[in-house]
Every structure is written in C-alpha cells, then in structure tokens.
Full PDB file with SEQRES, HELIX, SHEET, SSBOND, CRYST1, ORIGX, SCALE, CONECT and MASTER records, all heavy atoms in Angstrom:
SEQRES   1 A   39  HIS GLY ALA ARG TRP ILE THR THR ASP THR LEU ALA ALA          
SEQRES   2 A   39  PHE ALA ASP GLY ALA GLY ASP ARG VAL LEU PHE LEU SER          
SEQRES   3 A   39  GLY ASP PRO VAL ARG PHE PRO GLU GLY VAL ASP VAL ALA          
HELIX    1 AA1 LEU A   11  ALA A   15  1                                   5    
HELIX    2 AA2 GLU A   34  VAL A   38  1                                   5    
CRYST1    1.000    1.000    1.000  90.00  90.00  90.00 P 1           1          
ORIGX1      1.000000  0.000000  0.000000        0.00000                         
ORIGX2      0.000000  1.000000  0.000000        0.00000                         
ORIGX3      0.000000  0.000000  1.000000        0.00000                         
SCALE1      1.000000  0.000000  0.000000        0.00000                         
SCALE2      0.000000  1.000000  0.000000        0.00000                         
SCALE3      0.000000  0.000000  1.000000        0.00000                         
ATOM      1  N   HIS A   1     -64.692  29.227 -73.105  1.00  0.00           N  
ATOM      2  CA  HIS A   1     -64.101  30.390 -73.786  1.00  0.00           C  
ATOM      3  C   HIS A   1     -62.983  31.069 -73.006  1.00  0.00           C  
ATOM      4  O   HIS A   1     -62.589  32.191 -73.350  1.00  0.00           O  
ATOM      5  CB  HIS A   1     -65.206  31.395 -74.136  1.00  0.00           C  
ATOM      6  CG  HIS A   1     -66.199  30.851 -75.104  1.00  0.00           C  
ATOM      7  ND1 HIS A   1     -65.912  30.643 -76.441  1.00  0.00           N  
ATOM      8  CD2 HIS A   1     -67.474  30.430 -74.934  1.00  0.00           C  
ATOM      9  CE1 HIS A   1     -66.968  30.138 -77.045  1.00  0.00           C  
ATOM     10  NE2 HIS A   1     -67.937  29.990 -76.155  1.00  0.00           N  
ATOM     11  N   GLY A   2     -62.481  30.433 -71.975  1.00  0.00           N  
ATOM     12  CA  GLY A   2     -61.306  30.941 -71.287  1.00  0.00           C  
ATOM     13  C   GLY A   2     -61.518  32.115 -70.354  1.00  0.00           C  
ATOM     14  O   GLY A   2     -60.552  32.719 -69.892  1.00  0.00           O  
ATOM     15  N   ALA A   3     -62.758  32.458 -70.054  1.00  0.00           N  
ATOM     16  CA  ALA A   3     -63.019  33.532 -69.091  1.00  0.00           C  
ATOM     17  C   ALA A   3     -62.702  33.021 -67.688  1.00  0.00           C  
ATOM     18  O   ALA A   3     -62.585  31.814 -67.468  1.00  0.00           O  
ATOM     19  CB  ALA A   3     -64.476  33.984 -69.179  1.00  0.00           C  
ATOM     20  N   ARG A   4     -62.563  33.946 -66.745  1.00  0.00           N  
ATOM     21  CA  ARG A   4     -62.306  33.584 -65.353  1.00  0.00           C  
ATOM     22  C   ARG A   4     -63.467  34.029 -64.486  1.00  0.00           C  
ATOM     23  O   ARG A   4     -64.047  35.097 -64.721  1.00  0.00           O  
ATOM     24  CB  ARG A   4     -61.039  34.290 -64.857  1.00  0.00           C  
ATOM     25  CG  ARG A   4     -59.799  33.752 -65.506  1.00  0.00           C  
ATOM     26  CD  ARG A   4     -58.540  34.443 -65.062  1.00  0.00           C  
ATOM     27  NE  ARG A   4     -58.468  34.682 -63.637  1.00  0.00           N  
ATOM     28  CZ  ARG A   4     -57.628  35.529 -63.079  1.00  0.00           C  
ATOM     29  NH1 ARG A   4     -56.791  36.227 -63.816  1.00  0.00           N  
ATOM     30  NH2 ARG A   4     -57.606  35.696 -61.774  1.00  0.00           N  
ATOM     31  N   TRP A   5     -63.786  33.218 -63.471  1.00  0.00           N  
ATOM     32  CA  TRP A   5     -64.768  33.639 -62.478  1.00  0.00           C  
ATOM     33  C   TRP A   5     -64.130  34.739 -61.628  1.00  0.00           C  
ATOM     34  O   TRP A   5     -62.976  34.618 -61.215  1.00  0.00           O  
ATOM     35  CB  TRP A   5     -65.167  32.496 -61.556  1.00  0.00           C  
ATOM     36  CG  TRP A   5     -66.093  31.493 -62.168  1.00  0.00           C  
ATOM     37  CD1 TRP A   5     -65.851  30.168 -62.326  1.00  0.00           C  
ATOM     38  CD2 TRP A   5     -67.404  31.716 -62.674  1.00  0.00           C  
ATOM     39  NE1 TRP A   5     -66.927  29.559 -62.915  1.00  0.00           N  
ATOM     40  CE2 TRP A   5     -67.900  30.487 -63.147  1.00  0.00           C  
ATOM     41  CE3 TRP A   5     -68.211  32.850 -62.795  1.00  0.00           C  
ATOM     42  CZ2 TRP A   5     -69.160  30.343 -63.716  1.00  0.00           C  
ATOM     43  CZ3 TRP A   5     -69.469  32.712 -63.365  1.00  0.00           C  
ATOM     44  CH2 TRP A   5     -69.934  31.474 -63.817  1.00  0.00           C  
ATOM     45  N   ILE A   6     -64.885  35.777 -61.353  1.00  0.00           N  
ATOM     46  CA  ILE A   6     -64.388  36.883 -60.540  1.00  0.00           C  
ATOM     47  C   ILE A   6     -65.302  37.045 -59.329  1.00  0.00           C  
ATOM     48  O   ILE A   6     -66.534  37.121 -59.461  1.00  0.00           O  
ATOM     49  CB  ILE A   6     -64.359  38.207 -61.337  1.00  0.00           C  
ATOM     50  CG1 ILE A   6     -63.505  38.053 -62.598  1.00  0.00           C  
ATOM     51  CG2 ILE A   6     -63.880  39.352 -60.463  1.00  0.00           C  
ATOM     52  CD1 ILE A   6     -62.051  37.695 -62.360  1.00  0.00           C  
ATOM     53  N   THR A   7     -64.676  37.100 -58.154  1.00  0.00           N  
ATOM     54  CA  THR A   7     -65.378  37.410 -56.912  1.00  0.00           C  
ATOM     55  C   THR A   7     -64.711  38.651 -56.336  1.00  0.00           C  
ATOM     56  O   THR A   7     -63.687  39.119 -56.865  1.00  0.00           O  
ATOM     57  CB  THR A   7     -65.254  36.248 -55.900  1.00  0.00           C  
ATOM     58  OG1 THR A   7     -63.878  36.118 -55.524  1.00  0.00           O  
ATOM     59  CG2 THR A   7     -65.779  34.938 -56.480  1.00  0.00           C  
ATOM     60  N   THR A   8     -65.245  39.174 -55.259  1.00  0.00           N  
ATOM     61  CA  THR A   8     -64.596  40.326 -54.642  1.00  0.00           C  
ATOM     62  C   THR A   8     -63.189  39.955 -54.172  1.00  0.00           C  
ATOM     63  O   THR A   8     -62.304  40.813 -54.131  1.00  0.00           O  
ATOM     64  CB  THR A   8     -65.427  40.889 -53.469  1.00  0.00           C  
ATOM     65  OG1 THR A   8     -65.711  39.828 -52.554  1.00  0.00           O  
ATOM     66  CG2 THR A   8     -66.711  41.516 -53.967  1.00  0.00           C  
ATOM     67  N   ASP A   9     -62.964  38.689 -53.853  1.00  0.00           N  
ATOM     68  CA  ASP A   9     -61.633  38.240 -53.425  1.00  0.00           C  
ATOM     69  C   ASP A   9     -60.631  38.149 -54.576  1.00  0.00           C  
ATOM     70  O   ASP A   9     -59.433  38.270 -54.358  1.00  0.00           O  
ATOM     71  CB  ASP A   9     -61.719  36.871 -52.747  1.00  0.00           C  
ATOM     72  CG  ASP A   9     -62.471  36.917 -51.423  1.00  0.00           C  
ATOM     73  OD1 ASP A   9     -62.530  37.997 -50.805  1.00  0.00           O  
ATOM     74  OD2 ASP A   9     -63.009  35.871 -51.023  1.00  0.00           O  
ATOM     75  N   THR A  10     -61.098  37.903 -55.790  1.00  0.00           N  
ATOM     76  CA  THR A  10     -60.190  37.753 -56.930  1.00  0.00           C  
ATOM     77  C   THR A  10     -60.182  38.961 -57.858  1.00  0.00           C  
ATOM     78  O   THR A  10     -59.402  39.000 -58.812  1.00  0.00           O  
ATOM     79  CB  THR A  10     -60.557  36.497 -57.752  1.00  0.00           C  
ATOM     80  OG1 THR A  10     -61.876  36.638 -58.282  1.00  0.00           O  
ATOM     81  CG2 THR A  10     -60.460  35.229 -56.899  1.00  0.00           C  
ATOM     82  N   LEU A  11     -61.031  39.939 -57.577  1.00  0.00           N  
ATOM     83  CA  LEU A  11     -61.169  41.103 -58.456  1.00  0.00           C  
ATOM     84  C   LEU A  11     -59.857  41.856 -58.631  1.00  0.00           C  
ATOM     85  O   LEU A  11     -59.463  42.162 -59.760  1.00  0.00           O  
ATOM     86  CB  LEU A  11     -62.251  42.050 -57.926  1.00  0.00           C  
ATOM     87  CG  LEU A  11     -62.434  43.366 -58.685  1.00  0.00           C  
ATOM     88  CD1 LEU A  11     -62.839  43.102 -60.127  1.00  0.00           C  
ATOM     89  CD2 LEU A  11     -63.473  44.233 -57.980  1.00  0.00           C  
ATOM     90  N   ALA A  12     -59.169  42.180 -57.555  1.00  0.00           N  
ATOM     91  CA  ALA A  12     -57.944  42.984 -57.652  1.00  0.00           C  
ATOM     92  C   ALA A  12     -56.893  42.289 -58.506  1.00  0.00           C  
ATOM     93  O   ALA A  12     -56.265  42.923 -59.362  1.00  0.00           O  
ATOM     94  CB  ALA A  12     -57.401  43.291 -56.264  1.00  0.00           C  
ATOM     95  N   ALA A  13     -56.698  41.002 -58.301  1.00  0.00           N  
ATOM     96  CA  ALA A  13     -55.697  40.274 -59.085  1.00  0.00           C  
ATOM     97  C   ALA A  13     -56.044  40.284 -60.570  1.00  0.00           C  
ATOM     98  O   ALA A  13     -55.170  40.459 -61.420  1.00  0.00           O  
ATOM     99  CB  ALA A  13     -55.563  38.842 -58.578  1.00  0.00           C  
ATOM    100  N   PHE A  14     -57.318  40.107 -60.894  1.00  0.00           N  
ATOM    101  CA  PHE A  14     -57.738  40.136 -62.293  1.00  0.00           C  
ATOM    102  C   PHE A  14     -57.596  41.536 -62.863  1.00  0.00           C  
ATOM    103  O   PHE A  14     -56.995  41.742 -63.916  1.00  0.00           O  
ATOM    104  CB  PHE A  14     -59.186  39.655 -62.426  1.00  0.00           C  
ATOM    105  CG  PHE A  14     -59.699  39.699 -63.844  1.00  0.00           C  
ATOM    106  CD1 PHE A  14     -59.340  38.716 -64.753  1.00  0.00           C  
ATOM    107  CD2 PHE A  14     -60.528  40.728 -64.269  1.00  0.00           C  
ATOM    108  CE1 PHE A  14     -59.808  38.749 -66.071  1.00  0.00           C  
ATOM    109  CE2 PHE A  14     -60.993  40.771 -65.571  1.00  0.00           C  
ATOM    110  CZ  PHE A  14     -60.631  39.776 -66.474  1.00  0.00           C  
ATOM    111  N   ALA A  15     -58.131  42.526 -62.170  1.00  0.00           N  
ATOM    112  CA  ALA A  15     -58.140  43.906 -62.665  1.00  0.00           C  
ATOM    113  C   ALA A  15     -56.727  44.455 -62.835  1.00  0.00           C  
ATOM    114  O   ALA A  15     -56.461  45.207 -63.769  1.00  0.00           O  
ATOM    115  CB  ALA A  15     -58.941  44.800 -61.728  1.00  0.00           C  
ATOM    116  N   ASP A  16     -55.825  44.094 -61.936  1.00  0.00           N  
ATOM    117  CA  ASP A  16     -54.467  44.630 -61.966  1.00  0.00           C  
ATOM    118  C   ASP A  16     -53.577  43.962 -63.004  1.00  0.00           C  
ATOM    119  O   ASP A  16     -52.445  44.392 -63.205  1.00  0.00           O  
ATOM    120  CB  ASP A  16     -53.816  44.524 -60.581  1.00  0.00           C  
ATOM    121  CG  ASP A  16     -54.447  45.479 -59.579  1.00  0.00           C  
ATOM    122  OD1 ASP A  16     -55.121  46.441 -59.996  1.00  0.00           O  
ATOM    123  OD2 ASP A  16     -54.269  45.244 -58.370  1.00  0.00           O  
ATOM    124  N   GLY A  17     -54.081  42.957 -63.664  1.00  0.00           N  
ATOM    125  CA  GLY A  17     -53.287  42.296 -64.698  1.00  0.00           C  
ATOM    126  C   GLY A  17     -53.014  43.236 -65.859  1.00  0.00           C  
ATOM    127  O   GLY A  17     -53.727  44.207 -66.091  1.00  0.00           O  
ATOM    128  N   ALA A  18     -51.964  42.933 -66.590  1.00  0.00           N  
ATOM    129  CA  ALA A  18     -51.575  43.776 -67.720  1.00  0.00           C  
ATOM    130  C   ALA A  18     -52.587  43.681 -68.858  1.00  0.00           C  
ATOM    131  O   ALA A  18     -53.177  42.633 -69.096  1.00  0.00           O  
ATOM    132  CB  ALA A  18     -50.192  43.361 -68.209  1.00  0.00           C  
ATOM    133  N   GLY A  19     -52.784  44.786 -69.535  1.00  0.00           N  
ATOM    134  CA  GLY A  19     -53.631  44.817 -70.715  1.00  0.00           C  
ATOM    135  C   GLY A  19     -55.090  45.088 -70.412  1.00  0.00           C  
ATOM    136  O   GLY A  19     -55.462  45.442 -69.302  1.00  0.00           O  
ATOM    137  N   ASP A  20     -55.894  44.929 -71.443  1.00  0.00           N  
ATOM    138  CA  ASP A  20     -57.321  45.205 -71.346  1.00  0.00           C  
ATOM    139  C   ASP A  20     -58.053  44.007 -70.767  1.00  0.00           C  
ATOM    140  O   ASP A  20     -57.787  42.860 -71.133  1.00  0.00           O  
ATOM    141  CB  ASP A  20     -57.890  45.550 -72.722  1.00  0.00           C  
ATOM    142  CG  ASP A  20     -57.437  46.913 -73.193  1.00  0.00           C  
ATOM    143  OD1 ASP A  20     -57.954  47.905 -72.666  1.00  0.00           O  
ATOM    144  OD2 ASP A  20     -56.552  46.979 -74.077  1.00  0.00           O  
ATOM    145  N   ARG A  21     -58.988  44.308 -69.878  1.00  0.00           N  
ATOM    146  CA  ARG A  21     -59.806  43.298 -69.211  1.00  0.00           C  
ATOM    147  C   ARG A  21     -61.255  43.749 -69.294  1.00  0.00           C  
ATOM    148  O   ARG A  21     -61.536  44.942 -69.231  1.00  0.00           O  
ATOM    149  CB  ARG A  21     -59.428  43.162 -67.731  1.00  0.00           C  
ATOM    150  CG  ARG A  21     -57.957  42.986 -67.435  1.00  0.00           C  
ATOM    151  CD  ARG A  21     -57.525  41.603 -67.855  1.00  0.00           C  
ATOM    152  NE  ARG A  21     -56.115  41.372 -67.695  1.00  0.00           N  
ATOM    153  CZ  ARG A  21     -55.607  40.417 -66.930  1.00  0.00           C  
ATOM    154  NH1 ARG A  21     -56.396  39.663 -66.209  1.00  0.00           N  
ATOM    155  NH2 ARG A  21     -54.317  40.216 -66.913  1.00  0.00           N  
ATOM    156  N   VAL A  22     -62.159  42.798 -69.400  1.00  0.00           N  
ATOM    157  CA  VAL A  22     -63.592  43.093 -69.404  1.00  0.00           C  
ATOM    158  C   VAL A  22     -64.242  42.293 -68.293  1.00  0.00           C  
ATOM    159  O   VAL A  22     -64.106  41.070 -68.233  1.00  0.00           O  
ATOM    160  CB  VAL A  22     -64.246  42.746 -70.756  1.00  0.00           C  
ATOM    161  CG1 VAL A  22     -65.754  42.918 -70.695  1.00  0.00           C  
ATOM    162  CG2 VAL A  22     -63.663  43.600 -71.868  1.00  0.00           C  
ATOM    163  N   LEU A  23     -64.930  43.010 -67.406  1.00  0.00           N  
ATOM    164  CA  LEU A  23     -65.733  42.368 -66.369  1.00  0.00           C  
ATOM    165  C   LEU A  23     -67.152  42.263 -66.895  1.00  0.00           C  
ATOM    166  O   LEU A  23     -67.743  43.275 -67.294  1.00  0.00           O  
ATOM    167  CB  LEU A  23     -65.727  43.195 -65.087  1.00  0.00           C  
ATOM    168  CG  LEU A  23     -64.412  43.292 -64.343  1.00  0.00           C  
ATOM    169  CD1 LEU A  23     -64.526  44.314 -63.222  1.00  0.00           C  
ATOM    170  CD2 LEU A  23     -64.020  41.929 -63.794  1.00  0.00           C  
ATOM    171  N   PHE A  24     -67.696  41.064 -66.893  1.00  0.00           N  
ATOM    172  CA  PHE A  24     -69.068  40.850 -67.358  1.00  0.00           C  
ATOM    173  C   PHE A  24     -69.979  40.727 -66.155  1.00  0.00           C  
ATOM    174  O   PHE A  24     -69.839  39.827 -65.339  1.00  0.00           O  
ATOM    175  CB  PHE A  24     -69.129  39.596 -68.227  1.00  0.00           C  
ATOM    176  CG  PHE A  24     -70.509  39.234 -68.701  1.00  0.00           C  
ATOM    177  CD1 PHE A  24     -71.402  40.190 -69.151  1.00  0.00           C  
ATOM    178  CD2 PHE A  24     -70.912  37.916 -68.711  1.00  0.00           C  
ATOM    179  CE1 PHE A  24     -72.672  39.848 -69.599  1.00  0.00           C  
ATOM    180  CE2 PHE A  24     -72.172  37.548 -69.158  1.00  0.00           C  
ATOM    181  CZ  PHE A  24     -73.053  38.519 -69.597  1.00  0.00           C  
ATOM    182  N   LEU A  25     -70.914  41.667 -66.055  1.00  0.00           N  
ATOM    183  CA  LEU A  25     -71.962  41.651 -65.028  1.00  0.00           C  
ATOM    184  C   LEU A  25     -73.240  41.246 -65.740  1.00  0.00           C  
ATOM    185  O   LEU A  25     -73.865  42.054 -66.436  1.00  0.00           O  
ATOM    186  CB  LEU A  25     -72.108  43.043 -64.406  1.00  0.00           C  
ATOM    187  CG  LEU A  25     -70.852  43.621 -63.762  1.00  0.00           C  
ATOM    188  CD1 LEU A  25     -70.970  45.123 -63.587  1.00  0.00           C  
ATOM    189  CD2 LEU A  25     -70.598  42.959 -62.438  1.00  0.00           C  
ATOM    190  N   SER A  26     -73.629  39.994 -65.604  1.00  0.00           N  
ATOM    191  CA  SER A  26     -74.763  39.485 -66.384  1.00  0.00           C  
ATOM    192  C   SER A  26     -76.112  39.820 -65.777  1.00  0.00           C  
ATOM    193  O   SER A  26     -77.092  39.960 -66.495  1.00  0.00           O  
ATOM    194  CB  SER A  26     -74.649  37.970 -66.560  1.00  0.00           C  
ATOM    195  OG  SER A  26     -74.726  37.305 -65.315  1.00  0.00           O  
ATOM    196  N   GLY A  27     -76.176  39.911 -64.461  1.00  0.00           N  
ATOM    197  CA  GLY A  27     -77.460  40.145 -63.809  1.00  0.00           C  
ATOM    198  C   GLY A  27     -78.267  38.864 -63.709  1.00  0.00           C  
ATOM    199  O   GLY A  27     -77.923  37.824 -64.270  1.00  0.00           O  
ATOM    200  N   ASP A  28     -79.361  38.970 -62.987  1.00  0.00           N  
ATOM    201  CA  ASP A  28     -80.275  37.847 -62.806  1.00  0.00           C  
ATOM    202  C   ASP A  28     -80.889  37.495 -64.165  1.00  0.00           C  
ATOM    203  O   ASP A  28     -81.510  38.346 -64.795  1.00  0.00           O  
ATOM    204  CB  ASP A  28     -81.361  38.260 -61.810  1.00  0.00           C  
ATOM    205  CG  ASP A  28     -82.432  37.211 -61.610  1.00  0.00           C  
ATOM    206  OD1 ASP A  28     -82.411  36.163 -62.274  1.00  0.00           O  
ATOM    207  OD2 ASP A  28     -83.323  37.458 -60.771  1.00  0.00           O  
ATOM    208  N   PRO A  29     -80.715  36.250 -64.642  1.00  0.00           N  
ATOM    209  CA  PRO A  29     -81.221  35.900 -65.968  1.00  0.00           C  
ATOM    210  C   PRO A  29     -82.737  35.977 -66.104  1.00  0.00           C  
ATOM    211  O   PRO A  29     -83.251  36.097 -67.216  1.00  0.00           O  
ATOM    212  CB  PRO A  29     -80.712  34.479 -66.197  1.00  0.00           C  
ATOM    213  CG  PRO A  29     -80.369  33.950 -64.853  1.00  0.00           C  
ATOM    214  CD  PRO A  29     -80.050  35.122 -63.988  1.00  0.00           C  
ATOM    215  N   VAL A  30     -83.460  35.935 -64.992  1.00  0.00           N  
ATOM    216  CA  VAL A  30     -84.915  36.067 -65.071  1.00  0.00           C  
ATOM    217  C   VAL A  30     -85.293  37.543 -65.246  1.00  0.00           C  
ATOM    218  O   VAL A  30     -86.110  37.890 -66.092  1.00  0.00           O  
ATOM    219  CB  VAL A  30     -85.592  35.466 -63.819  1.00  0.00           C  
ATOM    220  CG1 VAL A  30     -87.083  35.738 -63.814  1.00  0.00           C  
ATOM    221  CG2 VAL A  30     -85.320  33.969 -63.743  1.00  0.00           C  
ATOM    222  N   ARG A  31     -84.685  38.415 -64.448  1.00  0.00           N  
ATOM    223  CA  ARG A  31     -84.976  39.850 -64.530  1.00  0.00           C  
ATOM    224  C   ARG A  31     -84.329  40.515 -65.736  1.00  0.00           C  
ATOM    225  O   ARG A  31     -84.853  41.478 -66.284  1.00  0.00           O  
ATOM    226  CB  ARG A  31     -84.510  40.556 -63.267  1.00  0.00           C  
ATOM    227  CG  ARG A  31     -85.338  40.204 -62.057  1.00  0.00           C  
ATOM    228  CD  ARG A  31     -84.926  40.959 -60.820  1.00  0.00           C  
ATOM    229  NE  ARG A  31     -85.018  42.393 -61.033  1.00  0.00           N  
ATOM    230  CZ  ARG A  31     -84.199  43.276 -60.466  1.00  0.00           C  
ATOM    231  NH1 ARG A  31     -83.242  42.881 -59.657  1.00  0.00           N  
ATOM    232  NH2 ARG A  31     -84.344  44.556 -60.705  1.00  0.00           N  
ATOM    233  N   PHE A  32     -83.143  40.014 -66.139  1.00  0.00           N  
ATOM    234  CA  PHE A  32     -82.373  40.616 -67.230  1.00  0.00           C  
ATOM    235  C   PHE A  32     -81.970  39.547 -68.240  1.00  0.00           C  
ATOM    236  O   PHE A  32     -80.796  39.184 -68.340  1.00  0.00           O  
ATOM    237  CB  PHE A  32     -81.116  41.311 -66.674  1.00  0.00           C  
ATOM    238  CG  PHE A  32     -81.414  42.298 -65.589  1.00  0.00           C  
ATOM    239  CD1 PHE A  32     -81.148  41.986 -64.264  1.00  0.00           C  
ATOM    240  CD2 PHE A  32     -81.978  43.534 -65.878  1.00  0.00           C  
ATOM    241  CE1 PHE A  32     -81.422  42.887 -63.250  1.00  0.00           C  
ATOM    242  CE2 PHE A  32     -82.258  44.439 -64.875  1.00  0.00           C  
ATOM    243  CZ  PHE A  32     -81.982  44.121 -63.554  1.00  0.00           C  
ATOM    244  N   PRO A  33     -82.945  39.014 -68.998  1.00  0.00           N  
ATOM    245  CA  PRO A  33     -82.628  37.920 -69.918  1.00  0.00           C  
ATOM    246  C   PRO A  33     -81.614  38.300 -70.989  1.00  0.00           C  
ATOM    247  O   PRO A  33     -80.935  37.433 -71.535  1.00  0.00           O  
ATOM    248  CB  PRO A  33     -83.988  37.551 -70.525  1.00  0.00           C  
ATOM    249  CG  PRO A  33     -84.865  38.729 -70.285  1.00  0.00           C  
ATOM    250  CD  PRO A  33     -84.356  39.398 -69.046  1.00  0.00           C  
ATOM    251  N   GLU A  34     -81.454  39.598 -71.269  1.00  0.00           N  
ATOM    252  CA  GLU A  34     -80.468  40.003 -72.271  1.00  0.00           C  
ATOM    253  C   GLU A  34     -79.038  39.709 -71.810  1.00  0.00           C  
ATOM    254  O   GLU A  34     -78.116  39.681 -72.616  1.00  0.00           O  
ATOM    255  CB  GLU A  34     -80.635  41.465 -72.670  1.00  0.00           C  
ATOM    256  CG  GLU A  34     -80.536  42.455 -71.544  1.00  0.00           C  
ATOM    257  CD  GLU A  34     -81.837  42.710 -70.793  1.00  0.00           C  
ATOM    258  OE1 GLU A  34     -82.864  42.055 -71.050  1.00  0.00           O  
ATOM    259  OE2 GLU A  34     -81.824  43.588 -69.923  1.00  0.00           O  
ATOM    260  N   GLY A  35     -78.850  39.458 -70.515  1.00  0.00           N  
ATOM    261  CA  GLY A  35     -77.533  39.052 -70.018  1.00  0.00           C  
ATOM    262  C   GLY A  35     -77.070  37.757 -70.665  1.00  0.00           C  
ATOM    263  O   GLY A  35     -75.876  37.587 -70.954  1.00  0.00           O  
ATOM    264  N   VAL A  36     -78.000  36.857 -70.923  1.00  0.00           N  
ATOM    265  CA  VAL A  36     -77.665  35.601 -71.598  1.00  0.00           C  
ATOM    266  C   VAL A  36     -77.271  35.894 -73.041  1.00  0.00           C  
ATOM    267  O   VAL A  36     -76.325  35.300 -73.573  1.00  0.00           O  
ATOM    268  CB  VAL A  36     -78.839  34.602 -71.514  1.00  0.00           C  
ATOM    269  CG1 VAL A  36     -78.547  33.349 -72.313  1.00  0.00           C  
ATOM    270  CG2 VAL A  36     -79.126  34.263 -70.054  1.00  0.00           C  
ATOM    271  N   ASP A  37     -77.953  36.848 -73.678  1.00  0.00           N  
ATOM    272  CA  ASP A  37     -77.595  37.235 -75.049  1.00  0.00           C  
ATOM    273  C   ASP A  37     -76.180  37.799 -75.104  1.00  0.00           C  
ATOM    274  O   ASP A  37     -75.402  37.484 -76.008  1.00  0.00           O  
ATOM    275  CB  ASP A  37     -78.584  38.270 -75.595  1.00  0.00           C  
ATOM    276  CG  ASP A  37     -80.002  37.730 -75.702  1.00  0.00           C  
ATOM    277  OD1 ASP A  37     -80.168  36.508 -75.870  1.00  0.00           O  
ATOM    278  OD2 ASP A  37     -80.949  38.543 -75.607  1.00  0.00           O  
ATOM    279  N   VAL A  38     -75.842  38.638 -74.136  1.00  0.00           N  
ATOM    280  CA  VAL A  38     -74.493  39.211 -74.096  1.00  0.00           C  
ATOM    281  C   VAL A  38     -73.462  38.102 -73.881  1.00  0.00           C  
ATOM    282  O   VAL A  38     -72.386  38.125 -74.478  1.00  0.00           O  
ATOM    283  CB  VAL A  38     -74.376  40.303 -73.017  1.00  0.00           C  
ATOM    284  CG1 VAL A  38     -72.944  40.804 -72.891  1.00  0.00           C  
ATOM    285  CG2 VAL A  38     -75.303  41.469 -73.351  1.00  0.00           C  
ATOM    286  N   ALA A  39     -73.802  37.098 -73.075  1.00  0.00           N  
ATOM    287  CA  ALA A  39     -72.885  35.976 -72.856  1.00  0.00           C  
ATOM    288  C   ALA A  39     -72.590  35.231 -74.156  1.00  0.00           C  
ATOM    289  O   ALA A  39     -71.489  34.719 -74.345  1.00  0.00           O  
ATOM    290  CB  ALA A  39     -73.466  35.014 -71.819  1.00  0.00           C  
TER     291      ALA A  39                                                      
MASTER        0    0    0    2    0    0    0    6  290    1    0    3          
END                                                                             
C-alpha cells in the first residue's frame, strides 16, 4: 500500500515532507490486537 517504514533516523525526513502525513503506531500485536485491525 505504499507506506514507508519509519525509524527515529527517518522520522524527520518523513515528517518534514510537504502535505499531510500519518504515523501509524500499531503496538505489540499480542497486547494490542486492534493494531492489526487498524492496519
């Protein structure tokens, strides 16, 4: 689906890009299974 992996090293470059951006924090899929639903 064209998303990009974001690490602390790549966060600034992604965040500073033009337009709207969404960072997805999914959480541990065992503790937070709804993260898979959001994905």
